Amino acid sequence: MFFDLRVPHTQIAQVRHIRNFNENGMVKVEDDRLAVAVASQTNLILELTEPITAVRPLGRRVKTRTIRFFADDPRAAIRVLQPRRNTRPNPEGAGPGSPRP
């Protein structure tokens, strides 16, 4: 099975590592919660700032605000998916690689 869902990084409110070993089916939707399991497991949860539309494998569209899925390396996924905080530009014009005082 192939499932592709693109989530804009700006819509990620929170990402958490939570293991679940009893998912039924590969792609399941309940209310506004989408689960994409591998071997009946999910280990990450994405909470979104607003619903997005997901297209299920047979073409049905659903709105989802919470996504549970499996990542081989959940720690690396969390580092990448963590919501970005608004950063203000440095008034001295220092770039991102500049040392901090």
PDB file of N, CA and C in Angstrom:
ATOM      1  N   MET A   1       0.834  -1.175   0.000  1.00  0.00           N
ATOM      2  CA  MET A   1       0.000   0.000   0.000  1.00  0.00           C
ATOM      3  C   MET A   1       0.879   1.238   0.000  1.00  0.00           C
ATOM      4  N   PHE A   2       0.441   2.253  -0.698  1.00  0.00           N
ATOM      5  CA  PHE A   2       1.132   3.525  -0.765  1.00  0.00           C
ATOM      6  C   PHE A   2       0.194   4.603  -0.264  1.00  0.00           C
ATOM      7  N   PHE A   3       0.681   5.429   0.658  1.00  0.00           N
ATOM      8  CA  PHE A   3      -0.129   6.524   1.191  1.00  0.00           C
ATOM      9  C   PHE A   3       0.757   7.748   1.296  1.00  0.00           C
ATOM     10  N   ASP A   4       0.321   8.859   0.733  1.00  0.00           N
ATOM     11  CA  ASP A   4       1.098  10.093   0.737  1.00  0.00           C
ATOM     12  C   ASP A   4       0.233  11.210   1.304  1.00  0.00           C
ATOM     13  N   LEU A   5       0.730  11.857   2.341  1.00  0.00           N
ATOM     14  CA  LEU A   5       0.028  12.998   2.936  1.00  0.00           C
ATOM     15  C   LEU A   5       1.054  14.071   3.211  1.00  0.00           C
ATOM     16  N   ARG A   6       0.847  15.225   2.665  1.00  0.00           N
ATOM     17  CA  ARG A   6       1.763  16.340   2.878  1.00  0.00           C
ATOM     18  C   ARG A   6       1.153  17.304   3.878  1.00  0.00           C
ATOM     19  N   VAL A   7       1.925  17.564   4.922  1.00  0.00           N
ATOM     20  CA  VAL A   7       1.480  18.450   5.995  1.00  0.00           C
ATOM     21  C   VAL A   7       2.392  19.670   5.994  1.00  0.00           C
ATOM     22  N   PRO A   8       1.834  20.859   5.768  1.00  0.00           N
ATOM     23  CA  PRO A   8       2.670  22.060   5.838  1.00  0.00           C
ATOM     24  C   PRO A   8       3.273  22.210   7.238  1.00  0.00           C
ATOM     25  N   HIS A   9       4.566  22.458   7.280  1.00  0.00           N
ATOM     26  CA  HIS A   9       5.253  22.572   8.572  1.00  0.00           C
ATOM     27  C   HIS A   9       4.619  23.650   9.441  1.00  0.00           C
ATOM     28  N   THR A  10       4.095  24.690   8.818  1.00  0.00           N
ATOM     29  CA  THR A  10       3.482  25.790   9.570  1.00  0.00           C
ATOM     30  C   THR A  10       2.198  25.365  10.278  1.00  0.00           C
ATOM     31  N   GLN A  11       1.611  24.234   9.894  1.00  0.00           N
ATOM     32  CA  GLN A  11       0.382  23.757  10.522  1.00  0.00           C
ATOM     33  C   GLN A  11       0.626  22.734  11.627  1.00  0.00           C
ATOM     34  N   ILE A  12       1.871  22.433  11.934  1.00  0.00           N
ATOM     35  CA  ILE A  12       2.170  21.499  13.011  1.00  0.00           C
ATOM     36  C   ILE A  12       2.182  22.257  14.328  1.00  0.00           C
ATOM     37  N   ALA A  13       1.260  21.904  15.205  1.00  0.00           N
ATOM     38  CA  ALA A  13       1.190  22.534  16.524  1.00  0.00           C
ATOM     39  C   ALA A  13       2.073  21.807  17.525  1.00  0.00           C
ATOM     40  N   GLN A  14       2.107  20.467  17.420  1.00  0.00           N
ATOM     41  CA  GLN A  14       2.852  19.662  18.377  1.00  0.00           C
ATOM     42  C   GLN A  14       3.144  18.296  17.783  1.00  0.00           C
ATOM     43  N   VAL A  15       4.278  17.741  18.156  1.00  0.00           N
ATOM     44  CA  VAL A  15       4.619  16.362  17.778  1.00  0.00           C
ATOM     45  C   VAL A  15       5.062  15.650  19.051  1.00  0.00           C
ATOM     46  N   ARG A  16       4.537  14.430  19.239  1.00  0.00           N
ATOM     47  CA  ARG A  16       4.840  13.659  20.454  1.00  0.00           C
ATOM     48  C   ARG A  16       5.175  12.226  20.094  1.00  0.00           C
ATOM     49  N   HIS A  17       6.013  11.619  20.932  1.00  0.00           N
ATOM     50  CA  HIS A  17       6.382  10.210  20.770  1.00  0.00           C
ATOM     51  C   HIS A  17       5.521   9.391  21.722  1.00  0.00           C
ATOM     52  N   ILE A  18       4.608   8.614  21.170  1.00  0.00           N
ATOM     53  CA  ILE A  18       3.732   7.745  21.958  1.00  0.00           C
ATOM     54  C   ILE A  18       3.597   6.433  21.198  1.00  0.00           C
ATOM     55  N   ARG A  19       3.968   5.344  21.849  1.00  0.00           N
ATOM     56  CA  ARG A  19       3.901   4.022  21.195  1.00  0.00           C
ATOM     57  C   ARG A  19       2.501   3.426  21.320  1.00  0.00           C
ATOM     58  N   ASN A  20       2.030   2.898  20.200  1.00  0.00           N
ATOM     59  CA  ASN A  20       0.748   2.215  20.165  1.00  0.00           C
ATOM     60  C   ASN A  20       0.945   0.950  19.336  1.00  0.00           C
ATOM     61  N   PHE A  21       0.677  -0.201  19.933  1.00  0.00           N
ATOM     62  CA  PHE A  21       0.940  -1.479  19.273  1.00  0.00           C
ATOM     63  C   PHE A  21      -0.321  -2.191  18.802  1.00  0.00           C
ATOM     64  N   ASN A  22      -1.475  -1.550  18.861  1.00  0.00           N
ATOM     65  CA  ASN A  22      -2.714  -2.263  18.532  1.00  0.00           C
ATOM     66  C   ASN A  22      -3.583  -1.520  17.525  1.00  0.00           C
ATOM     67  N   GLU A  23      -2.976  -0.929  16.519  1.00  0.00           N
ATOM     68  CA  GLU A  23      -3.756  -0.254  15.472  1.00  0.00           C
ATOM     69  C   GLU A  23      -4.434  -1.296  14.591  1.00  0.00           C
ATOM     70  N   ASN A  24      -5.672  -1.049  14.245  1.00  0.00           N
ATOM     71  CA  ASN A  24      -6.420  -1.935  13.340  1.00  0.00           C
ATOM     72  C   ASN A  24      -6.362  -1.358  11.939  1.00  0.00           C
ATOM     73  N   GLY A  25      -5.812  -2.107  11.008  1.00  0.00           N
ATOM     74  CA  GLY A  25      -5.722  -1.646   9.629  1.00  0.00           C
ATOM     75  C   GLY A  25      -4.535  -0.724   9.419  1.00  0.00           C
ATOM     76  N   MET A  26      -4.228  -0.462   8.142  1.00  0.00           N
ATOM     77  CA  MET A  26      -3.081   0.399   7.824  1.00  0.00           C
ATOM     78  C   MET A  26      -3.446   1.878   7.863  1.00  0.00           C
ATOM     79  N   VAL A  27      -4.605   2.220   7.316  1.00  0.00           N
ATOM     80  CA  VAL A  27      -5.060   3.611   7.314  1.00  0.00           C
ATOM     81  C   VAL A  27      -6.455   3.617   7.905  1.00  0.00           C
ATOM     82  N   LYS A  28      -6.614   4.327   9.011  1.00  0.00           N
ATOM     83  CA  LYS A  28      -7.901   4.350   9.704  1.00  0.00           C
ATOM     84  C   LYS A  28      -8.232   5.789  10.076  1.00  0.00           C
ATOM     85  N   VAL A  29      -9.500   6.151   9.961  1.00  0.00           N
ATOM     86  CA  VAL A  29      -9.948   7.489  10.341  1.00  0.00           C
ATOM     87  C   VAL A  29     -11.102   7.353  11.310  1.00  0.00           C
ATOM     88  N   GLU A  30     -10.984   8.024  12.431  1.00  0.00           N
ATOM     89  CA  GLU A  30     -12.075   8.135  13.409  1.00  0.00           C
ATOM     90  C   GLU A  30     -12.218   9.597  13.754  1.00  0.00           C
ATOM     91  N   ASP A  31     -13.412  10.136  13.535  1.00  0.00           N
ATOM     92  CA  ASP A  31     -13.663  11.569  13.740  1.00  0.00           C
ATOM     93  C   ASP A  31     -12.634  12.345  12.919  1.00  0.00           C
ATOM     94  N   ASP A  32     -11.819  13.176  13.560  1.00  0.00           N
ATOM     95  CA  ASP A  32     -10.812  13.937  12.814  1.00  0.00           C
ATOM     96  C   ASP A  32      -9.403  13.413  13.096  1.00  0.00           C
ATOM     97  N   ARG A  33      -9.311  12.129  13.456  1.00  0.00           N
ATOM     98  CA  ARG A  33      -8.026  11.492  13.762  1.00  0.00           C
ATOM     99  C   ARG A  33      -7.685  10.454  12.699  1.00  0.00           C
ATOM    100  N   LEU A  34      -6.511  10.596  12.113  1.00  0.00           N
ATOM    101  CA  LEU A  34      -6.028   9.685  11.079  1.00  0.00           C
ATOM    102  C   LEU A  34      -4.890   8.849  11.654  1.00  0.00           C
ATOM    103  N   ALA A  35      -4.926   7.550  11.438  1.00  0.00           N
ATOM    104  CA  ALA A  35      -3.843   6.658  11.850  1.00  0.00           C
ATOM    105  C   ALA A  35      -3.293   5.963  10.612  1.00  0.00           C
ATOM    106  N   VAL A  36      -1.968   6.008  10.459  1.00  0.00           N
ATOM    107  CA  VAL A  36      -1.280   5.313   9.372  1.00  0.00           C
ATOM    108  C   VAL A  36      -0.291   4.368  10.056  1.00  0.00           C
ATOM    109  N   ALA A  37      -0.648   3.096  10.117  1.00  0.00           N
ATOM    110  CA  ALA A  37       0.113   2.126  10.903  1.00  0.00           C
ATOM    111  C   ALA A  37       1.023   1.269  10.037  1.00  0.00           C
ATOM    112  N   VAL A  38       2.089   0.789  10.663  1.00  0.00           N
ATOM    113  CA  VAL A  38       2.996  -0.190  10.066  1.00  0.00           C
ATOM    114  C   VAL A  38       3.047  -1.354  11.042  1.00  0.00           C
ATOM    115  N   ALA A  39       2.671  -2.534  10.582  1.00  0.00           N
ATOM    116  CA  ALA A  39       2.646  -3.729  11.437  1.00  0.00           C
ATOM    117  C   ALA A  39       1.849  -3.461  12.714  1.00  0.00           C
ATOM    118  N   SER A  40       0.696  -2.829  12.566  1.00  0.00           N
ATOM    119  CA  SER A  40      -0.221  -2.501  13.672  1.00  0.00           C
ATOM    120  C   SER A  40       0.369  -1.524  14.682  1.00  0.00           C
ATOM    121  N   GLN A  41       1.414  -0.776  14.303  1.00  0.00           N
ATOM    122  CA  GLN A  41       2.060   0.145  15.230  1.00  0.00           C
ATOM    123  C   GLN A  41       2.067   1.577  14.721  1.00  0.00           C
ATOM    124  N   THR A  42       1.934   2.506  15.659  1.00  0.00           N
ATOM    125  CA  THR A  42       2.235   3.915  15.426  1.00  0.00           C
ATOM    126  C   THR A  42       3.108   4.356  16.590  1.00  0.00           C
ATOM    127  N   ASN A  43       3.950   5.362  16.359  1.00  0.00           N
ATOM    128  CA  ASN A  43       4.791   5.829  17.458  1.00  0.00           C
ATOM    129  C   ASN A  43       4.943   7.344  17.519  1.00  0.00           C
ATOM    130  N   LEU A  44       4.275   8.062  16.645  1.00  0.00           N
ATOM    131  CA  LEU A  44       4.286   9.521  16.692  1.00  0.00           C
ATOM    132  C   LEU A  44       2.881  10.056  16.507  1.00  0.00           C
ATOM    133  N   ILE A  45       2.628  11.191  17.116  1.00  0.00           N
ATOM    134  CA  ILE A  45       1.349  11.885  16.949  1.00  0.00           C
ATOM    135  C   ILE A  45       1.638  13.319  16.558  1.00  0.00           C
ATOM    136  N   LEU A  46       1.033  13.759  15.462  1.00  0.00           N
ATOM    137  CA  LEU A  46       1.088  15.150  15.045  1.00  0.00           C
ATOM    138  C   LEU A  46      -0.244  15.796  15.377  1.00  0.00           C
ATOM    139  N   GLU A  47      -0.195  16.881  16.110  1.00  0.00           N
ATOM    140  CA  GLU A  47      -1.380  17.701  16.360  1.00  0.00           C
ATOM    141  C   GLU A  47      -1.257  18.907  15.441  1.00  0.00           C
ATOM    142  N   LEU A  48      -2.295  19.192  14.669  1.00  0.00           N
ATOM    143  CA  LEU A  48      -2.255  20.284  13.704  1.00  0.00           C
ATOM    144  C   LEU A  48      -2.992  21.510  14.214  1.00  0.00           C
ATOM    145  N   THR A  49      -2.614  22.672  13.709  1.00  0.00           N
ATOM    146  CA  THR A  49      -3.266  23.917  14.109  1.00  0.00           C
ATOM    147  C   THR A  49      -4.649  24.051  13.490  1.00  0.00           C
ATOM    148  N   GLU A  50      -4.845  23.397  12.347  1.00  0.00           N
ATOM    149  CA  GLU A  50      -6.140  23.394  11.673  1.00  0.00           C
ATOM    150  C   GLU A  50      -6.241  22.126  10.838  1.00  0.00           C
ATOM    151  N   PRO A  51      -7.453  21.704  10.520  1.00  0.00           N
ATOM    152  CA  PRO A  51      -7.607  20.459   9.752  1.00  0.00           C
ATOM    153  C   PRO A  51      -7.003  20.569   8.353  1.00  0.00           C
ATOM    154  N   ILE A  52      -6.511  19.424   7.853  1.00  0.00           N
ATOM    155  CA  ILE A  52      -6.080  19.318   6.467  1.00  0.00           C
ATOM    156  C   ILE A  52      -6.869  18.179   5.832  1.00  0.00           C
ATOM    157  N   THR A  53      -6.899  18.161   4.512  1.00  0.00           N
ATOM    158  CA  THR A  53      -7.615  17.115   3.792  1.00  0.00           C
ATOM    159  C   THR A  53      -6.648  15.998   3.426  1.00  0.00           C
ATOM    160  N   ALA A  54      -7.032  14.781   3.767  1.00  0.00           N
ATOM    161  CA  ALA A  54      -6.259  13.593   3.402  1.00  0.00           C
ATOM    162  C   ALA A  54      -7.087  12.796   2.406  1.00  0.00           C
ATOM    163  N   VAL A  55      -6.414  12.206   1.435  1.00  0.00           N
ATOM    164  CA  VAL A  55      -7.079  11.352   0.455  1.00  0.00           C
ATOM    165  C   VAL A  55      -6.720   9.913   0.803  1.00  0.00           C
ATOM    166  N   ARG A  56      -7.743   9.151   1.156  1.00  0.00           N
ATOM    167  CA  ARG A  56      -7.524   7.747   1.527  1.00  0.00           C
ATOM    168  C   ARG A  56      -7.157   6.917   0.300  1.00  0.00           C
ATOM    169  N   PRO A  57      -6.606   5.708   0.503  1.00  0.00           N
ATOM    170  CA  PRO A  57      -6.147   4.894  -0.630  1.00  0.00           C
ATOM    171  C   PRO A  57      -7.174   4.664  -1.744  1.00  0.00           C
ATOM    172  N   LEU A  58      -8.458   4.588  -1.437  1.00  0.00           N
ATOM    173  CA  LEU A  58      -9.458   4.379  -2.487  1.00  0.00           C
ATOM    174  C   LEU A  58     -10.099   5.682  -2.952  1.00  0.00           C
ATOM    175  N   GLY A  59      -9.518   6.821  -2.555  1.00  0.00           N
ATOM    176  CA  GLY A  59      -9.959   8.105  -3.081  1.00  0.00           C
ATOM    177  C   GLY A  59     -10.870   8.930  -2.197  1.00  0.00           C
ATOM    178  N   ARG A  60     -11.383   8.378  -1.119  1.00  0.00           N
ATOM    179  CA  ARG A  60     -12.266   9.146  -0.239  1.00  0.00           C
ATOM    180  C   ARG A  60     -11.474  10.228   0.477  1.00  0.00           C
ATOM    181  N   ARG A  61     -12.022  11.424   0.545  1.00  0.00           N
ATOM    182  CA  ARG A  61     -11.372  12.550   1.220  1.00  0.00           C
ATOM    183  C   ARG A  61     -11.910  12.687   2.640  1.00  0.00           C
ATOM    184  N   VAL A  62     -10.986  12.952   3.568  1.00  0.00           N
ATOM    185  CA  VAL A  62     -11.365  13.158   4.967  1.00  0.00           C
ATOM    186  C   VAL A  62     -10.584  14.342   5.519  1.00  0.00           C
ATOM    187  N   LYS A  63     -11.188  15.034   6.460  1.00  0.00           N
ATOM    188  CA  LYS A  63     -10.502  16.122   7.168  1.00  0.00           C
ATOM    189  C   LYS A  63      -9.893  15.531   8.426  1.00  0.00           C
ATOM    190  N   THR A  64      -8.645  15.900   8.707  1.00  0.00           N
ATOM    191  CA  THR A  64      -7.977  15.396   9.895  1.00  0.00           C
ATOM    192  C   THR A  64      -7.232  16.511  10.605  1.00  0.00           C
ATOM    193  N   ARG A  65      -7.225  16.424  11.926  1.00  0.00           N
ATOM    194  CA  ARG A  65      -6.509  17.403  12.739  1.00  0.00           C
ATOM    195  C   ARG A  65      -5.417  16.724  13.582  1.00  0.00           C
ATOM    196  N   THR A  66      -5.502  15.413  13.700  1.00  0.00           N
ATOM    197  CA  THR A  66      -4.525  14.622  14.454  1.00  0.00           C
ATOM    198  C   THR A  66      -4.087  13.457  13.580  1.00  0.00           C
ATOM    199  N   ILE A  67      -2.771  13.233  13.503  1.00  0.00           N
ATOM    200  CA  ILE A  67      -2.236  12.156  12.679  1.00  0.00           C
ATOM    201  C   ILE A  67      -1.310  11.292  13.535  1.00  0.00           C
ATOM    202  N   ARG A  68      -1.648  10.004  13.618  1.00  0.00           N
ATOM    203  CA  ARG A  68      -0.768   9.026  14.280  1.00  0.00           C
ATOM    204  C   ARG A  68      -0.094   8.235  13.173  1.00  0.00           C
ATOM    205  N   PHE A  69       1.222   8.046  13.301  1.00  0.00           N
ATOM    206  CA  PHE A  69       1.930   7.287  12.276  1.00  0.00           C
ATOM    207  C   PHE A  69       3.181   6.646  12.861  1.00  0.00           C
ATOM    208  N   PHE A  70       3.827   5.810  12.053  1.00  0.00           N
ATOM    209  CA  PHE A  70       5.030   5.108  12.483  1.00  0.00           C
ATOM    210  C   PHE A  70       6.245   5.704  11.798  1.00  0.00           C
ATOM    211  N   ALA A  71       7.295   5.948  12.572  1.00  0.00           N
ATOM    212  CA  ALA A  71       8.585   6.400  12.036  1.00  0.00           C
ATOM    213  C   ALA A  71       9.654   5.421  12.492  1.00  0.00           C
ATOM    214  N   ASP A  72      10.551   5.037  11.583  1.00  0.00           N
ATOM    215  CA  ASP A  72      11.652   4.143  11.948  1.00  0.00           C
ATOM    216  C   ASP A  72      12.530   4.764  13.029  1.00  0.00           C
ATOM    217  N   ASP A  73      12.765   6.070  12.945  1.00  0.00           N
ATOM    218  CA  ASP A  73      13.596   6.794  13.915  1.00  0.00           C
ATOM    219  C   ASP A  73      12.771   7.954  14.466  1.00  0.00           C
ATOM    220  N   PRO A  74      11.948   7.691  15.495  1.00  0.00           N
ATOM    221  CA  PRO A  74      11.057   8.740  15.988  1.00  0.00           C
ATOM    222  C   PRO A  74      11.782   9.967  16.525  1.00  0.00           C
ATOM    223  N   ARG A  75      12.953   9.798  17.134  1.00  0.00           N
ATOM    224  CA  ARG A  75      13.686  10.970  17.655  1.00  0.00           C
ATOM    225  C   ARG A  75      14.112  11.901  16.527  1.00  0.00           C
ATOM    226  N   ALA A  76      14.608  11.336  15.435  1.00  0.00           N
ATOM    227  CA  ALA A  76      14.995  12.159  14.292  1.00  0.00           C
ATOM    228  C   ALA A  76      13.766  12.838  13.680  1.00  0.00           C
ATOM    229  N   ALA A  77      12.667  12.107  13.593  1.00  0.00           N
ATOM    230  CA  ALA A  77      11.435  12.687  13.053  1.00  0.00           C
ATOM    231  C   ALA A  77      10.950  13.846  13.920  1.00  0.00           C
ATOM    232  N   ILE A  78      11.033  13.690  15.222  1.00  0.00           N
ATOM    233  CA  ILE A  78      10.605  14.771  16.125  1.00  0.00           C
ATOM    234  C   ILE A  78      11.481  16.001  15.918  1.00  0.00           C
ATOM    235  N   ARG A  79      12.783  15.806  15.774  1.00  0.00           N
ATOM    236  CA  ARG A  79      13.675  16.964  15.554  1.00  0.00           C
ATOM    237  C   ARG A  79      13.277  17.724  14.288  1.00  0.00           C
ATOM    238  N   VAL A  80      12.921  16.996  13.242  1.00  0.00           N
ATOM    239  CA  VAL A  80      12.562  17.633  11.977  1.00  0.00           C
ATOM    240  C   VAL A  80      11.164  18.246  12.033  1.00  0.00           C
ATOM    241  N   LEU A  81      10.239  17.581  12.705  1.00  0.00           N
ATOM    242  CA  LEU A  81       8.843  18.015  12.697  1.00  0.00           C
ATOM    243  C   LEU A  81       8.491  19.020  13.782  1.00  0.00           C
ATOM    244  N   GLN A  82       9.365  19.197  14.759  1.00  0.00           N
ATOM    245  CA  GLN A  82       9.088  20.128  15.854  1.00  0.00           C
ATOM    246  C   GLN A  82       8.658  21.480  15.288  1.00  0.00           C
ATOM    247  N   PRO A  83       7.560  22.044  15.806  1.00  0.00           N
ATOM    248  CA  PRO A  83       7.136  23.361  15.308  1.00  0.00           C
ATOM    249  C   PRO A  83       8.247  24.385  15.487  1.00  0.00           C
ATOM    250  N   ARG A  84       8.441  25.194  14.490  1.00  0.00           N
ATOM    251  CA  ARG A  84       9.459  26.249  14.555  1.00  0.00           C
ATOM    252  C   ARG A  84       8.908  27.426  15.330  1.00  0.00           C
ATOM    253  N   ARG A  85       9.720  27.943  16.190  1.00  0.00           N
ATOM    254  CA  ARG A  85       9.340  29.140  16.944  1.00  0.00           C
ATOM    255  C   ARG A  85       9.693  30.354  16.102  1.00  0.00           C
ATOM    256  N   ASN A  86       8.869  31.376  16.202  1.00  0.00           N
ATOM    257  CA  ASN A  86       9.195  32.618  15.496  1.00  0.00           C
ATOM    258  C   ASN A  86      10.480  33.173  16.073  1.00  0.00           C
ATOM    259  N   THR A  87      11.435  33.400  15.213  1.00  0.00           N
ATOM    260  CA  THR A  87      12.693  33.979  15.660  1.00  0.00           C
ATOM    261  C   THR A  87      12.801  35.380  15.097  1.00  0.00           C
ATOM    262  N   ARG A  88      13.228  36.287  15.946  1.00  0.00           N
ATOM    263  CA  ARG A  88      13.410  37.661  15.502  1.00  0.00           C
ATOM    264  C   ARG A  88      14.806  37.803  14.934  1.00  0.00           C
ATOM    265  N   PRO A  89      14.970  38.634  13.897  1.00  0.00           N
ATOM    266  CA  PRO A  89      16.302  38.845  13.357  1.00  0.00           C
ATOM    267  C   PRO A  89      17.185  39.536  14.391  1.00  0.00           C
ATOM    268  N   ASN A  90      18.461  39.201  14.366  1.00  0.00           N
ATOM    269  CA  ASN A  90      19.420  39.792  15.278  1.00  0.00           C
ATOM    270  C   ASN A  90      19.614  41.258  14.898  1.00  0.00           C
ATOM    271  N   PRO A  91      19.423  42.195  15.830  1.00  0.00           N
ATOM    272  CA  PRO A  91      19.527  43.623  15.491  1.00  0.00           C
ATOM    273  C   PRO A  91      20.927  44.013  15.011  1.00  0.00           C
ATOM    274  N   GLU A  92      21.969  43.271  15.387  1.00  0.00           N
ATOM    275  CA  GLU A  92      23.321  43.575  14.928  1.00  0.00           C
ATOM    276  C   GLU A  92      23.583  43.037  13.539  1.00  0.00           C
ATOM    277  N   GLY A  93      22.626  42.305  12.978  1.00  0.00           N
ATOM    278  CA  GLY A  93      22.766  41.772  11.632  1.00  0.00           C
ATOM    279  C   GLY A  93      23.571  40.481  11.561  1.00  0.00           C
ATOM    280  N   ALA A  94      23.817  39.858  12.701  1.00  0.00           N
ATOM    281  CA  ALA A  94      24.577  38.602  12.707  1.00  0.00           C
ATOM    282  C   ALA A  94      23.755  37.517  12.050  1.00  0.00           C
ATOM    283  N   GLY A  95      24.400  36.649  11.331  1.00  0.00           N
ATOM    284  CA  GLY A  95      23.728  35.548  10.651  1.00  0.00           C
ATOM    285  C   GLY A  95      23.479  34.381  11.593  1.00  0.00           C
ATOM    286  N   PRO A  96      22.818  33.331  11.104  1.00  0.00           N
ATOM    287  CA  PRO A  96      22.481  32.195  11.935  1.00  0.00           C
ATOM    288  C   PRO A  96      23.702  31.451  12.481  1.00  0.00           C
ATOM    289  N   GLY A  97      24.850  31.532  11.820  1.00  0.00           N
ATOM    290  CA  GLY A  97      26.038  30.822  12.280  1.00  0.00           C
ATOM    291  C   GLY A  97      26.901  31.652  13.226  1.00  0.00           C
ATOM    292  N   SER A  98      26.487  32.879  13.495  1.00  0.00           N
ATOM    293  CA  SER A  98      27.293  33.756  14.348  1.00  0.00           C
ATOM    294  C   SER A  98      27.221  33.323  15.798  1.00  0.00           C
ATOM    295  N   PRO A  99      28.327  33.486  16.529  1.00  0.00           N
ATOM    296  CA  PRO A  99      28.300  33.124  17.949  1.00  0.00           C
ATOM    297  C   PRO A  99      27.406  34.058  18.734  1.00  0.00           C
ATOM    298  N   ARG A 100      26.796  33.514  19.760  1.00  0.00           N
ATOM    299  CA  ARG A 100      25.932  34.296  20.640  1.00  0.00           C
ATOM    300  C   ARG A 100      26.745  34.825  21.813  1.00  0.00           C
ATOM    301  N   PRO A 101      26.439  36.039  22.274  1.00  0.00           N
ATOM    302  CA  PRO A 101      27.182  36.576  23.429  1.00  0.00           C
ATOM    303  C   PRO A 101      26.914  35.805  24.692  1.00  0.00           C
TER     304      PRO A 101
END
